[in-house]
């Protein structure tokens, strides 16, 4: 593994490394909720275009100059949201909580209640990158289907949500950082990566190729994993 890899990419590992006692370097971004983009109500979000064709209008609306970091981030998010999904994947950029819930319910099935999981930092710390030890695999969440929603940079909160047909496994693990931090971290393991682009950053980090290995990753605290609420899970949600 290359030593000059950006620390923020240190979230990937393979399923064989998901075991108690394993030590790995992990990056958990610390975002300040008071300065993070806020969720807009659905009506407000949908009153604005969400399209790279309308970027000039949007930049003017938000008072960002073309070429500024904010403009570049907005354009990148819009292009990512407009890109074609890989084979066997459904994707959607949710510009409001309501649209995220609608998409999730459609994918998981309206006959199910849905349950959400997120990474939880049990201790207050400003450290974003350090060695963590897997102390306990707290649960494997049996999810025949799942939707993962990741925050993407935009002036208001936008979530890139996607679901893949190929087999995934979802875990909650307890981590202990070398400074004593405790994190109840959510992990998703993708067992079939054969349809992924060879340029996918996880392959570069792990030194593997599409289809040759599972790819697991830790979720930052402001990302969500939605699964059908199975009867046996009772009310153990967040």
Protein backbone atom coordinates (compact mmCIF):
# COMPACT_ATOMS: atom_id res chain seq x y z
CA UNK A 1 0.00 0.00 0.00
CA UNK A 2 1.36 3.38 -0.98
CA UNK A 3 2.47 5.61 1.88
CA UNK A 4 1.73 8.85 0.08
CA UNK A 5 -2.01 8.17 -0.20
CA UNK A 6 -4.29 10.98 0.92
CA UNK A 7 -5.32 10.09 4.52
CA UNK A 8 -8.97 10.85 3.66
CA UNK A 9 -8.98 7.74 1.44
CA UNK A 10 -8.03 5.50 4.35
CA UNK A 11 -11.48 4.00 4.84
CA UNK A 12 -11.17 0.90 2.63
CA UNK A 13 -10.23 -2.64 3.62
CA UNK A 14 -11.10 -6.22 2.64
CA UNK A 15 -13.53 -8.57 4.40
CA UNK A 16 -10.73 -10.86 5.59
CA UNK A 17 -9.43 -7.98 7.73
CA UNK A 18 -12.75 -7.55 9.54
CA UNK A 19 -11.74 -9.33 12.73
CA UNK A 20 -11.35 -8.49 16.40
CA UNK A 21 -7.85 -7.29 17.23
CA UNK A 22 -7.12 -6.02 13.72
CA UNK A 23 -5.42 -2.61 13.76
CA UNK A 24 -5.84 -0.25 10.83
CA UNK A 25 -5.41 3.41 9.99
CA UNK A 26 -8.84 4.97 9.45
CA UNK A 27 -9.93 8.46 8.51
CA UNK A 28 -13.12 9.79 10.13
CA UNK A 29 -13.88 13.36 9.03
CA UNK A 30 -15.02 15.64 11.85
CA UNK A 31 -17.63 18.02 10.50
CA UNK A 32 -19.04 20.82 12.58
CA UNK A 33 -22.86 20.60 12.37
CA UNK A 34 -23.11 24.36 12.92
CA UNK A 35 -21.16 25.08 9.71
CA UNK A 36 -22.24 22.06 7.61
CA UNK A 37 -24.76 22.60 4.80
CA UNK A 38 -28.33 22.30 6.09
CA UNK A 39 -31.13 20.17 4.71
CA UNK A 40 -33.64 22.29 2.85
CA UNK A 41 -37.38 21.54 2.86
CA UNK A 42 -38.43 19.60 -0.26
CA UNK A 43 -40.45 22.49 -1.76
CA UNK A 44 -37.56 24.90 -1.37
CA UNK A 45 -34.97 22.47 -2.79
CA UNK A 46 -37.19 21.58 -5.76
CA UNK A 47 -37.86 25.23 -6.59
CA UNK A 48 -34.22 25.45 -7.79
CA UNK A 49 -32.81 23.60 -10.82
CA UNK A 50 -30.37 20.82 -9.96
CA UNK A 51 -28.53 20.44 -13.25
CA UNK A 52 -25.07 21.15 -14.61
CA UNK A 53 -26.79 22.81 -17.61
CA UNK A 54 -28.00 25.49 -15.22
CA UNK A 55 -24.68 25.96 -13.41
CA UNK A 56 -24.33 29.62 -14.45
CA UNK A 57 -27.75 30.41 -12.99
CA UNK A 58 -26.96 28.48 -9.79
CA UNK A 59 -23.59 30.19 -9.30
CA UNK A 60 -25.31 33.56 -9.63
CA UNK A 61 -28.07 32.48 -7.22
CA UNK A 62 -25.53 31.44 -4.56
CA UNK A 63 -23.14 34.32 -5.37
CA UNK A 64 -20.18 32.06 -6.22
CA UNK A 65 -17.72 33.16 -8.87
CA UNK A 66 -16.88 30.67 -11.63
CA UNK A 67 -13.62 28.89 -10.83
CA UNK A 68 -14.00 29.39 -7.07
CA UNK A 69 -13.63 26.28 -4.83
CA UNK A 70 -17.41 26.35 -4.18
CA UNK A 71 -18.18 26.51 -7.93
CA UNK A 72 -15.80 23.65 -8.71
CA UNK A 73 -17.35 21.53 -5.91
CA UNK A 74 -20.89 22.28 -7.14
CA UNK A 75 -20.02 21.35 -10.72
CA UNK A 76 -18.32 18.14 -9.57
CA UNK A 77 -21.39 17.15 -7.50
CA UNK A 78 -23.83 17.87 -10.35
CA UNK A 79 -21.71 15.85 -12.81
CA UNK A 80 -21.45 12.96 -10.33
CA UNK A 81 -25.23 13.03 -9.85
CA UNK A 82 -25.80 13.00 -13.62
CA UNK A 83 -23.30 10.21 -14.38
CA UNK A 84 -24.65 6.81 -15.43
CA UNK A 85 -24.91 4.16 -12.69
CA UNK A 86 -22.79 1.03 -13.02
CA UNK A 87 -24.50 -2.22 -14.08
CA UNK A 88 -26.80 -3.48 -11.32
CA UNK A 89 -26.85 -0.16 -9.48
CA UNK A 90 -29.61 2.38 -8.91
CA UNK A 91 -28.56 5.87 -7.85
CA UNK A 92 -30.21 9.14 -6.95
CA UNK A 93 -29.12 12.48 -5.54
CA UNK A 94 -31.51 13.51 -2.77
CA UNK A 95 -31.83 17.25 -2.27
CA UNK A 96 -34.13 16.90 0.75
CA UNK A 97 -34.88 14.42 3.53
CA UNK A 98 -38.29 13.71 1.96
CA UNK A 99 -36.79 12.78 -1.40
CA UNK A 100 -34.17 10.58 0.32
CA UNK A 101 -36.93 8.72 2.18
CA UNK A 102 -39.05 8.34 -0.98
CA UNK A 103 -36.14 6.89 -2.97
CA UNK A 104 -35.18 4.56 -0.12
CA UNK A 105 -38.74 3.29 0.37
CA UNK A 106 -39.07 2.65 -3.38
CA UNK A 107 -35.86 0.60 -3.45
CA UNK A 108 -36.43 -1.36 -0.22
CA UNK A 109 -40.13 -1.95 -0.83
CA UNK A 110 -43.15 -0.11 0.51
CA UNK A 111 -44.22 -3.20 2.48
CA UNK A 112 -41.28 -2.71 4.88
CA UNK A 113 -40.67 -0.22 7.59
CA UNK A 114 -37.18 1.13 7.09
CA UNK A 115 -34.38 1.40 9.58
CA UNK A 116 -31.37 3.71 9.45
CA UNK A 117 -27.85 3.22 10.79
CA UNK A 118 -24.98 5.68 11.10
CA UNK A 119 -21.50 5.79 12.63
CA UNK A 120 -21.52 7.13 16.18
CA UNK A 121 -18.54 8.77 17.89
CA UNK A 122 -18.76 7.81 21.57
CA UNK A 123 -16.01 10.24 22.61
CA UNK A 124 -15.38 13.87 21.69
CA UNK A 125 -12.12 14.28 19.82
CA UNK A 126 -10.71 16.42 17.03
CA UNK A 127 -8.46 13.63 15.72
CA UNK A 128 -9.50 12.64 12.19
CA UNK A 129 -6.83 10.08 11.29
CA UNK A 130 -5.21 7.50 13.54
CA UNK A 131 -4.77 3.78 14.18
CA UNK A 132 -7.91 2.02 15.40
CA UNK A 133 -8.27 -1.48 16.82
CA UNK A 134 -11.42 -3.52 16.12
CA UNK A 135 -12.59 -4.28 19.67
CA UNK A 136 -15.87 -6.01 18.86
CA UNK A 137 -18.05 -6.87 15.87
CA UNK A 138 -21.27 -5.69 17.49
CA UNK A 139 -23.69 -6.95 14.87
CA UNK A 140 -24.07 -8.13 11.30
CA UNK A 141 -27.17 -6.48 9.92
CA UNK A 142 -29.02 -8.90 7.66
CA UNK A 143 -30.03 -6.69 4.78
CA UNK A 144 -31.30 -8.38 1.61
CA UNK A 145 -31.31 -4.87 0.17
CA UNK A 146 -29.70 -1.66 1.37
CA UNK A 147 -29.41 1.97 0.34
CA UNK A 148 -26.29 3.94 1.23
CA UNK A 149 -26.48 7.75 1.29
CA UNK A 150 -23.31 9.85 1.29
CA UNK A 151 -23.04 13.61 1.74
CA UNK A 152 -21.66 15.46 -1.28
CA UNK A 153 -20.43 19.09 -1.39
CA UNK A 154 -23.17 21.58 -2.22
CA UNK A 155 -24.47 24.86 -0.72
CA UNK A 156 -27.31 22.95 0.96
CA UNK A 157 -27.32 19.30 2.10
CA UNK A 158 -27.36 16.85 -0.81
CA UNK A 159 -27.01 13.08 -0.43
CA UNK A 160 -25.73 10.73 -3.11
CA UNK A 161 -27.82 7.59 -2.51
CA UNK A 162 -27.28 4.29 -4.28
CA UNK A 163 -28.21 0.64 -4.10
CA UNK A 164 -26.49 -2.31 -5.76
CA UNK A 165 -28.01 -5.65 -6.71
CA UNK A 166 -24.79 -7.53 -5.94
CA UNK A 167 -24.36 -9.01 -2.47
CA UNK A 168 -23.40 -6.62 0.31
CA UNK A 169 -22.86 -7.16 4.01
CA UNK A 170 -23.47 -4.53 6.67
CA UNK A 171 -21.75 -4.52 10.06
CA UNK A 172 -21.57 -2.38 13.16
CA UNK A 173 -18.14 -2.58 14.82
CA UNK A 174 -16.66 -1.05 17.94
CA UNK A 175 -13.32 0.64 17.33
CA UNK A 176 -10.82 2.03 19.81
CA UNK A 177 -8.38 4.67 18.64
CA UNK A 178 -4.79 4.84 19.86
CA UNK A 179 -5.74 8.04 21.74
CA UNK A 180 -8.65 6.24 23.47
CA UNK A 181 -11.39 7.38 21.07
CA UNK A 182 -14.34 5.00 20.86
CA UNK A 183 -16.35 4.75 17.67
CA UNK A 184 -19.36 2.56 16.87
CA UNK A 185 -18.62 2.44 13.17
CA UNK A 186 -20.82 1.29 10.30
CA UNK A 187 -19.17 -0.86 7.65
CA UNK A 188 -20.45 -1.98 4.26
CA UNK A 189 -18.68 -4.81 2.43
CA UNK A 190 -19.28 -5.17 -1.32
CA UNK A 191 -18.64 -8.82 -2.20
CA UNK A 192 -18.79 -8.40 -6.00
CA UNK A 193 -16.74 -5.54 -7.44
CA UNK A 194 -16.53 -6.93 -11.00
CA UNK A 195 -18.67 -4.10 -12.47
CA UNK A 196 -16.69 -1.31 -10.81
CA UNK A 197 -14.47 0.96 -12.90
CA UNK A 198 -10.80 -0.13 -12.73
CA UNK A 199 -10.01 3.46 -11.74
CA UNK A 200 -12.13 3.21 -8.55
CA UNK A 201 -10.03 4.68 -5.78
CA UNK A 202 -10.52 1.66 -3.49
CA UNK A 203 -8.53 -0.54 -5.91
CA UNK A 204 -5.62 1.90 -5.83
CA UNK A 205 -5.70 2.03 -2.01
CA UNK A 206 -5.96 -1.75 -1.56
CA UNK A 207 -3.84 -2.81 -4.53
CA UNK A 208 -6.58 -5.10 -5.91
CA UNK A 209 -8.47 -5.28 -9.21
CA UNK A 210 -12.21 -5.35 -10.06
CA UNK A 211 -13.78 -8.67 -9.09
CA UNK A 212 -10.62 -10.00 -7.41
CA UNK A 213 -11.57 -9.04 -3.87
CA UNK A 214 -14.32 -7.79 -1.62
CA UNK A 215 -14.14 -4.08 -0.79
CA UNK A 216 -15.32 -2.89 2.63
CA UNK A 217 -15.43 0.69 3.82
CA UNK A 218 -16.17 2.63 6.98
CA UNK A 219 -18.89 5.26 6.88
CA UNK A 220 -18.38 8.81 8.18
CA UNK A 221 -20.84 9.92 10.85
CA UNK A 222 -22.99 12.02 8.49
CA UNK A 223 -23.61 9.19 5.99
CA UNK A 224 -26.55 6.80 6.31
CA UNK A 225 -27.29 3.14 5.67
CA UNK A 226 -30.97 2.31 5.16
CA UNK A 227 -32.22 -1.28 5.40
CA UNK A 228 -35.62 -2.97 5.64
CA UNK A 229 -36.62 -3.35 9.28
CA UNK A 230 -36.76 -7.10 9.79
CA UNK A 231 -39.13 -8.40 12.45
CA UNK A 232 -36.33 -10.08 14.43
CA UNK A 233 -34.40 -6.82 14.74
CA UNK A 234 -37.09 -5.41 17.01
CA UNK A 235 -36.44 -1.79 17.90
CA UNK A 236 -32.64 -1.78 17.98
CA UNK A 237 -32.40 1.17 15.61
CA UNK A 238 -30.55 4.38 16.35
